[in-house]
Amino acid sequence: MSVHALDFGPTRTGMPAHLYRMRNANGMVVDVTDLGASIVSVRVPNRDGEFVDVALGFDEVDRYEHDSAAMGGIVGRCTNRIEGASFTLGSKTYELTANEGGNTLHGGRDMWFERLWEGALIGRKGNRRKGAAADTVIFGLLSPDGDQGFPGAVDVRVTYKLTDDNSLIITYDAQPDLQTVINLTNHAYWNLNGHDSGDVLGHSLHIAAEYYTPTGASKLPDGRKVSVGGTPFDFRLPKAIGRDMSKRFTNYDHNFLLGDSRRLQHAAMLVGDKTGISMEVATDLPALQVYTAEGLCVEGAKEGASYGAYAGVALETQFTPNAIHHTTYRQPVFSPERPFQSRTILTFGTV
């Protein structure tokens, strides 16, 4: 196992950004950057042993600084949507930025996935070191009191670890100094046929969810949970992502309820129909947002690729969107005595 830090060019303010390259004993390679704490590429073998980059992304750091699609980035302080761009904690109401109609999406302003994080390599004995081989990459961000309108300062750490069983482990730690809302996720787009191979509608997807949270035009869950049975949201048995799409239902941007065990649990399995590459998702969070990116339109991506509609699927482990307005959902509220701690594991293989 090795990790090395590489130059990724200067940011718009002249600060140096870095690319951290992790390689395991099987030849799997994962690149992450301190710009947005983002996943840049994931190269895994297909059923024929050929390595394929399965994560959408960019070759230049400046594209991550201006990326409304949140390509591979860490989303915070609260991922997904908050109704009315405001919420109340205790007796105080906090005003956020409305950036999707009258609602807040992915923090609303000064997005975390467009910021330069502090990056370091962590050796096997836990010593922080730059410019040397290691086995883990950790990114840090200090979110000050009032950041994006949220109360309290939060010291955030996101750790990426690549193992020799072809698992990418993402660990989140966020320590607030006041009670606040925290809901973090990674917003990678996956195409297991290859990042530049077209759409993912033929990919097989399994989701371990009996219920989903219905939404209206605003894409906001309203406190209900509904059985997936007999709906396009039933992925309890694997099926092609595009199988139940129609002229009336053209895109998944929906939240699935995984259960509330608070322990690491199987959430989903994605399989590329052309390569046989599989990706299992496990998480200790209660929900999974599935987004098939119907509106994606990106030119000049990695290796000159263009990403159009359905070019990737995001599988975002998180708390239910808009949960702060509906106590029927598990609440993403944390405090100095109860920091945010979570883990998501992505395990790659072939079928």
Protein backbone atom coordinates (compact mmCIF):
# COMPACT_ATOMS: atom_id res chain seq x y z
CA MET A 1 0.00 0.00 0.00
CA SER A 2 1.31 3.47 -0.82
CA VAL A 3 0.10 7.07 -0.96
CA HIS A 4 1.99 9.90 -2.62
CA ALA A 5 1.29 13.63 -2.89
CA LEU A 6 1.50 15.19 -6.36
CA ASP A 7 1.11 18.77 -7.57
CA PHE A 8 -2.38 19.56 -8.90
CA GLY A 9 -1.73 23.17 -9.86
CA PRO A 10 -2.49 26.53 -8.22
CA THR A 11 -5.95 27.67 -7.16
CA ARG A 12 -7.41 30.99 -8.33
CA THR A 13 -5.84 32.64 -5.24
CA GLY A 14 -2.43 31.13 -6.01
CA MET A 15 -2.51 28.50 -3.28
CA PRO A 16 -1.05 25.12 -4.28
CA ALA A 17 -3.47 22.21 -4.59
CA HIS A 18 -2.42 18.59 -4.39
CA LEU A 19 -3.44 15.24 -5.77
CA TYR A 20 -3.02 12.30 -3.38
CA ARG A 21 -2.56 8.97 -5.13
CA MET A 22 -3.35 5.76 -3.23
CA ARG A 23 -2.34 2.39 -4.68
CA ASN A 24 -3.01 -1.02 -3.15
CA ALA A 25 -1.37 -4.42 -3.63
CA ASN A 26 -3.84 -5.32 -6.40
CA GLY A 27 -2.97 -2.29 -8.53
CA MET A 28 -6.18 -0.38 -7.72
CA VAL A 29 -5.49 3.36 -7.76
CA VAL A 30 -7.54 6.15 -6.15
CA ASP A 31 -6.78 9.85 -6.65
CA VAL A 32 -8.20 12.44 -4.24
CA THR A 33 -7.52 16.17 -4.01
CA ASP A 34 -7.53 18.74 -1.24
CA LEU A 35 -9.73 20.96 -3.45
CA GLY A 36 -13.12 20.00 -2.04
CA ALA A 37 -11.64 16.85 -0.44
CA SER A 38 -12.80 15.37 -3.76
CA ILE A 39 -12.48 11.95 -5.35
CA VAL A 40 -10.84 12.57 -8.74
CA SER A 41 -10.46 9.05 -10.11
CA VAL A 42 -10.86 5.40 -9.12
CA ARG A 43 -9.17 2.80 -11.32
CA VAL A 44 -10.31 -0.79 -10.80
CA PRO A 45 -10.03 -3.99 -12.88
CA ASN A 46 -12.92 -5.17 -15.03
CA ARG A 47 -13.85 -8.82 -15.57
CA ASP A 48 -10.99 -9.11 -18.10
CA GLY A 49 -8.40 -7.68 -15.72
CA GLU A 50 -8.17 -4.33 -17.54
CA PHE A 51 -8.16 -1.24 -15.34
CA VAL A 52 -11.02 1.23 -15.81
CA ASP A 53 -11.50 4.69 -14.27
CA VAL A 54 -15.05 4.59 -12.89
CA ALA A 55 -15.36 8.05 -11.27
CA LEU A 56 -16.35 11.16 -13.21
CA GLY A 57 -13.99 14.09 -12.71
CA PHE A 58 -11.58 16.70 -14.05
CA ASP A 59 -7.89 16.92 -14.91
CA GLU A 60 -7.46 20.51 -13.69
CA VAL A 61 -7.88 21.96 -10.21
CA ASP A 62 -9.69 25.09 -11.44
CA ARG A 63 -12.62 22.95 -12.64
CA TYR A 64 -13.19 21.81 -9.05
CA GLU A 65 -13.28 25.46 -7.91
CA HIS A 66 -16.24 26.19 -10.21
CA ASP A 67 -18.29 23.00 -10.22
CA SER A 68 -22.02 23.25 -9.65
CA ALA A 69 -22.27 19.46 -10.04
CA ALA A 70 -20.14 18.83 -6.89
CA MET A 71 -18.11 16.27 -8.86
CA GLY A 72 -16.59 13.87 -6.32
CA GLY A 73 -16.62 16.50 -3.56
CA ILE A 74 -17.55 16.58 0.11
CA VAL A 75 -20.84 18.37 0.68
CA GLY A 76 -21.53 20.25 3.94
CA ARG A 77 -22.43 21.69 6.29
CA CYS A 78 -25.75 20.12 5.32
CA THR A 79 -26.02 18.09 2.15
CA ASN A 80 -29.18 18.06 0.06
CA ARG A 81 -32.22 20.28 0.65
CA ILE A 82 -33.59 22.42 3.49
CA GLU A 83 -37.08 23.82 3.00
CA GLY A 84 -37.52 27.59 3.07
CA ALA A 85 -33.77 28.18 3.43
CA SER A 86 -34.14 28.30 7.21
CA PHE A 87 -34.52 26.12 10.29
CA THR A 88 -35.08 26.50 14.02
CA LEU A 89 -32.93 25.04 16.79
CA GLY A 90 -34.12 25.70 20.31
CA SER A 91 -35.75 29.10 20.21
CA LYS A 92 -33.64 30.58 17.42
CA THR A 93 -34.28 30.57 13.67
CA TYR A 94 -31.30 30.50 11.32
CA GLU A 95 -31.48 31.97 7.83
CA LEU A 96 -29.58 30.25 5.02
CA THR A 97 -29.18 31.05 1.31
CA ALA A 98 -31.94 30.02 -1.09
CA ASN A 99 -30.19 28.62 -4.15
CA GLU A 100 -32.86 26.23 -5.50
CA GLY A 101 -36.15 28.05 -5.69
CA GLY A 102 -36.88 29.15 -2.14
CA ASN A 103 -34.86 26.29 -0.63
CA THR A 104 -31.25 25.60 0.29
CA LEU A 105 -29.30 22.92 -1.59
CA HIS A 106 -25.91 21.57 -0.43
CA GLY A 107 -25.23 24.49 1.92
CA GLY A 108 -26.50 27.29 -0.30
CA ARG A 109 -23.31 29.34 -0.72
CA ASP A 110 -19.51 29.08 -0.51
CA MET A 111 -19.76 25.37 -1.11
CA TRP A 112 -17.41 23.10 0.81
CA PHE A 113 -16.63 21.16 -2.37
CA GLU A 114 -15.20 24.35 -3.91
CA ARG A 115 -12.89 25.15 -0.98
CA LEU A 116 -9.26 24.19 -0.44
CA TRP A 117 -9.00 21.79 2.50
CA GLU A 118 -5.89 21.01 4.52
CA GLY A 119 -4.45 17.73 3.29
CA ALA A 120 -1.95 15.33 4.85
CA LEU A 121 -0.70 11.78 4.50
CA ILE A 122 -1.03 9.57 7.54
CA GLY A 123 1.59 6.86 8.01
CA ARG A 124 0.85 3.43 9.38
CA LYS A 125 2.00 4.55 12.83
CA GLY A 126 -0.29 7.57 12.70
CA ASN A 127 2.31 10.27 12.06
CA ARG A 128 1.25 13.15 9.81
CA ARG A 129 3.62 13.67 6.94
CA LYS A 130 3.64 15.29 3.53
CA GLY A 131 5.68 14.16 0.57
CA ALA A 132 6.16 10.61 1.87
CA ALA A 133 4.54 7.22 1.42
CA ALA A 134 1.65 6.43 3.77
CA ASP A 135 -1.59 4.43 3.83
CA THR A 136 -4.30 7.07 4.47
CA VAL A 137 -5.20 10.60 3.39
CA ILE A 138 -6.93 12.97 5.77
CA PHE A 139 -8.47 16.33 4.85
CA GLY A 140 -9.36 19.02 7.36
CA LEU A 141 -11.62 22.06 7.24
CA LEU A 142 -12.54 24.55 9.95
CA SER A 143 -16.08 25.79 9.38
CA PRO A 144 -16.50 28.98 11.47
CA ASP A 145 -19.55 30.05 13.44
CA GLY A 146 -22.11 31.42 10.97
CA ASP A 147 -20.59 29.60 7.99
CA GLN A 148 -23.34 29.39 5.32
CA GLY A 149 -25.70 30.66 8.04
CA PHE A 150 -25.30 27.66 10.37
CA PRO A 151 -24.60 28.12 14.09
CA GLY A 152 -21.36 27.13 15.78
CA ALA A 153 -17.86 26.41 14.58
CA VAL A 154 -17.15 22.87 13.36
CA ASP A 155 -13.76 21.18 13.06
CA VAL A 156 -14.14 18.68 10.20
CA ARG A 157 -11.97 15.72 9.21
CA VAL A 158 -12.61 13.46 6.22
CA THR A 159 -10.37 10.42 5.86
CA TYR A 160 -9.88 8.25 2.77
CA LYS A 161 -8.30 4.83 3.19
CA LEU A 162 -7.73 2.27 0.43
CA THR A 163 -7.42 -1.35 1.54
CA ASP A 164 -6.09 -4.46 -0.15
CA ASP A 165 -9.58 -5.92 -0.49
CA ASN A 166 -10.33 -3.08 -2.95
CA SER A 167 -12.38 -1.08 -0.45
CA LEU A 168 -12.32 2.70 -0.22
CA ILE A 169 -13.24 3.68 3.35
CA ILE A 170 -14.53 7.22 3.88
CA THR A 171 -14.65 8.33 7.50
CA TYR A 172 -16.27 11.58 8.62
CA ASP A 173 -15.55 13.34 11.94
CA ALA A 174 -17.04 16.75 12.71
CA GLN A 175 -16.68 18.34 16.15
CA PRO A 176 -18.98 21.36 16.75
CA ASP A 177 -18.64 23.85 19.59
CA LEU A 178 -22.40 24.55 19.65
CA GLN A 179 -25.50 22.56 18.80
CA THR A 180 -25.87 22.64 15.02
CA VAL A 181 -26.98 20.78 11.91
CA ILE A 182 -24.37 18.52 10.28
CA ASN A 183 -25.07 16.22 7.35
CA LEU A 184 -22.02 15.23 5.29
CA THR A 185 -21.66 13.11 2.18
CA ASN A 186 -19.40 12.46 -0.77
CA HIS A 187 -20.94 13.45 -4.11
CA ALA A 188 -19.02 11.22 -6.52
CA TYR A 189 -20.66 10.22 -9.80
CA TRP A 190 -20.05 6.59 -10.75
CA ASN A 191 -20.01 4.95 -14.15
CA LEU A 192 -18.72 1.40 -13.76
CA ASN A 193 -18.36 1.01 -17.52
CA GLY A 194 -15.81 3.83 -17.46
CA HIS A 195 -16.12 7.54 -16.73
CA ASP A 196 -16.31 8.36 -20.47
CA SER A 197 -18.47 5.44 -21.62
CA GLY A 198 -21.90 7.05 -22.01
CA ASP A 199 -24.93 6.65 -19.77
CA VAL A 200 -25.49 4.38 -16.76
CA LEU A 201 -29.09 3.42 -17.53
CA GLY A 202 -28.06 -0.19 -18.20
CA HIS A 203 -26.24 -0.53 -14.87
CA SER A 204 -27.81 -2.95 -12.43
CA LEU A 205 -28.71 -1.39 -9.07
CA HIS A 206 -29.81 -3.01 -5.83
CA ILE A 207 -30.89 -0.86 -2.84
CA ALA A 208 -31.55 -2.39 0.59
CA ALA A 209 -34.56 -0.17 1.28
CA GLU A 210 -38.17 -1.05 1.96
CA TYR A 211 -39.24 2.61 1.96
CA TYR A 212 -38.50 5.84 0.15
CA THR A 213 -39.50 9.44 0.94
CA PRO A 214 -41.87 10.87 -1.69
CA THR A 215 -41.35 14.43 -2.92
CA GLY A 216 -43.19 17.04 -4.94
CA ALA A 217 -41.86 19.47 -7.52
CA SER A 218 -39.52 20.97 -4.89
CA LYS A 219 -37.83 17.55 -4.34
CA LEU A 220 -38.37 17.94 -0.59
CA PRO A 221 -39.42 14.99 1.59
CA ASP A 222 -42.52 15.97 3.57
CA GLY A 223 -42.23 13.67 6.58
CA ARG A 224 -43.78 10.57 5.03
CA LYS A 225 -42.24 7.24 4.19
CA VAL A 226 -43.85 5.05 1.53
CA SER A 227 -43.26 1.43 0.57
CA VAL A 228 -41.20 1.00 -2.59
CA GLY A 229 -43.42 -1.93 -3.62
CA GLY A 230 -45.15 -1.43 -6.97
CA THR A 231 -43.23 1.80 -7.69
CA PRO A 232 -40.22 2.75 -9.86
CA PHE A 233 -38.31 3.00 -6.54
CA ASP A 234 -38.31 -0.74 -5.88
CA PHE A 235 -34.67 -1.86 -6.15
CA ARG A 236 -34.96 -4.62 -3.56
CA LEU A 237 -34.10 -7.00 -6.38
CA PRO A 238 -31.39 -5.78 -8.76
CA LYS A 239 -32.68 -4.10 -11.92
CA ALA A 240 -31.39 -1.81 -14.65
CA ILE A 241 -31.46 1.82 -13.52
CA GLY A 242 -33.42 2.88 -16.57
CA ARG A 243 -35.91 0.00 -16.58
CA ASP A 244 -38.80 1.87 -14.97
CA MET A 245 -38.12 5.29 -16.44
CA SER A 246 -40.70 6.71 -18.81
CA LYS A 247 -41.77 9.95 -20.46
CA ARG A 248 -43.42 10.93 -17.17
CA PHE A 249 -40.63 9.70 -14.88
CA THR A 250 -37.23 10.59 -16.33
CA ASN A 251 -34.83 10.93 -13.41
CA TYR A 252 -34.02 9.56 -9.97
CA ASP A 253 -33.25 12.26 -7.42
CA HIS A 254 -34.81 10.51 -4.45
CA ASN A 255 -34.09 9.43 -0.91
CA PHE A 256 -34.26 5.80 0.25
CA LEU A 257 -34.57 4.81 3.93
CA LEU A 258 -32.01 2.17 4.95
CA GLY A 259 -33.04 1.52 8.52
CA ASP A 260 -31.95 3.08 11.80
CA SER A 261 -29.54 0.56 13.32
CA ARG A 262 -26.75 3.18 13.53
CA ARG A 263 -24.37 0.39 12.63
CA LEU A 264 -22.54 -0.26 9.40
CA GLN A 265 -24.99 -1.95 7.02
CA HIS A 266 -25.23 -2.95 3.38
CA ALA A 267 -26.97 -0.15 1.47
CA ALA A 268 -26.59 -0.79 -2.25
CA MET A 269 -24.84 -2.70 -5.02
CA LEU A 270 -24.11 -1.17 -8.43
CA VAL A 271 -22.86 -3.28 -11.37
CA GLY A 272 -21.61 -2.07 -14.74
CA ASP A 273 -23.41 -3.91 -17.51
CA LYS A 274 -20.45 -3.81 -19.94
CA THR A 275 -17.46 -4.34 -17.63
CA GLY A 276 -18.89 -6.47 -14.84
CA ILE A 277 -17.35 -4.10 -12.30
CA SER A 278 -19.33 -4.01 -9.06
CA MET A 279 -19.42 -1.48 -6.23
CA GLU A 280 -21.02 -2.31 -2.89
CA VAL A 281 -22.00 0.60 -0.63
CA ALA A 282 -22.10 0.14 3.15
CA THR A 283 -22.88 2.91 5.63
CA ASP A 284 -23.98 3.65 9.19
CA LEU A 285 -26.18 6.53 8.03
CA PRO A 286 -29.97 6.11 7.73
CA ALA A 287 -30.55 7.13 4.11
CA LEU A 288 -29.25 6.99 0.56
CA GLN A 289 -29.92 9.64 -2.09
CA VAL A 290 -29.84 8.26 -5.63
CA TYR A 291 -29.26 10.85 -8.35
CA THR A 292 -29.03 9.82 -12.00
CA ALA A 293 -28.01 13.28 -13.25
CA GLU A 294 -30.48 13.80 -16.07
CA GLY A 295 -29.38 17.43 -16.39
CA LEU A 296 -25.63 16.84 -16.37
CA CYS A 297 -23.86 18.74 -19.15
CA VAL A 298 -20.08 18.96 -18.74
CA GLU A 299 -17.53 19.62 -21.49
CA GLY A 300 -13.77 19.17 -21.20
CA ALA A 301 -13.72 16.70 -18.32
CA LYS A 302 -10.99 14.12 -17.67
CA GLU A 303 -9.11 13.02 -20.78
CA GLY A 304 -11.26 15.39 -22.86
CA ALA A 305 -14.49 13.55 -22.03
CA SER A 306 -17.93 15.12 -22.18
CA TYR A 307 -20.55 14.13 -19.59
CA GLY A 308 -24.16 14.31 -20.69
CA ALA A 309 -27.47 13.13 -19.27
CA TYR A 310 -27.16 10.04 -17.07
CA ALA A 311 -23.36 9.90 -17.51
CA GLY A 312 -23.01 8.88 -13.87
CA VAL A 313 -25.07 7.98 -10.82
CA ALA A 314 -24.47 9.49 -7.37
CA LEU A 315 -25.15 7.25 -4.37
CA GLU A 316 -25.04 9.69 -1.46
CA THR A 317 -25.09 8.23 2.06
CA GLN A 318 -26.66 10.80 4.41
CA PHE A 319 -29.48 11.83 6.70
CA THR A 320 -32.85 12.28 5.00
CA PRO A 321 -33.11 15.61 3.14
CA ASN A 322 -35.12 18.26 4.98
CA ALA A 323 -35.06 16.12 8.13
CA ILE A 324 -34.59 19.21 10.31
CA HIS A 325 -38.22 20.13 9.47
CA HIS A 326 -39.66 16.65 10.13
CA THR A 327 -39.04 14.84 13.41
CA THR A 328 -40.36 11.61 11.85
CA TYR A 329 -36.87 11.31 10.34
CA ARG A 330 -33.66 10.76 12.31
CA GLN A 331 -32.28 14.21 13.11
CA PRO A 332 -28.90 15.52 11.86
CA VAL A 333 -28.39 17.63 14.98
CA PHE A 334 -25.06 17.42 16.80
CA SER A 335 -23.35 19.11 19.73
CA PRO A 336 -20.01 19.32 21.55
CA GLU A 337 -21.05 16.28 23.59
CA ARG A 338 -22.27 14.40 20.51
CA PRO A 339 -20.04 15.04 17.47
CA PHE A 340 -20.83 13.82 13.98
CA GLN A 341 -19.04 10.53 13.27
CA SER A 342 -19.80 8.30 10.32
CA ARG A 343 -18.29 5.81 7.90
CA THR A 344 -19.09 4.76 4.34
CA ILE A 345 -17.30 1.87 2.63
CA LEU A 346 -17.17 1.38 -1.14
CA THR A 347 -15.99 -2.12 -2.08
CA PHE A 348 -15.15 -2.89 -5.70
CA GLY A 349 -15.13 -6.26 -7.41
CA THR A 350 -16.38 -8.02 -10.55
CA VAL A 351 -19.34 -10.26 -11.38
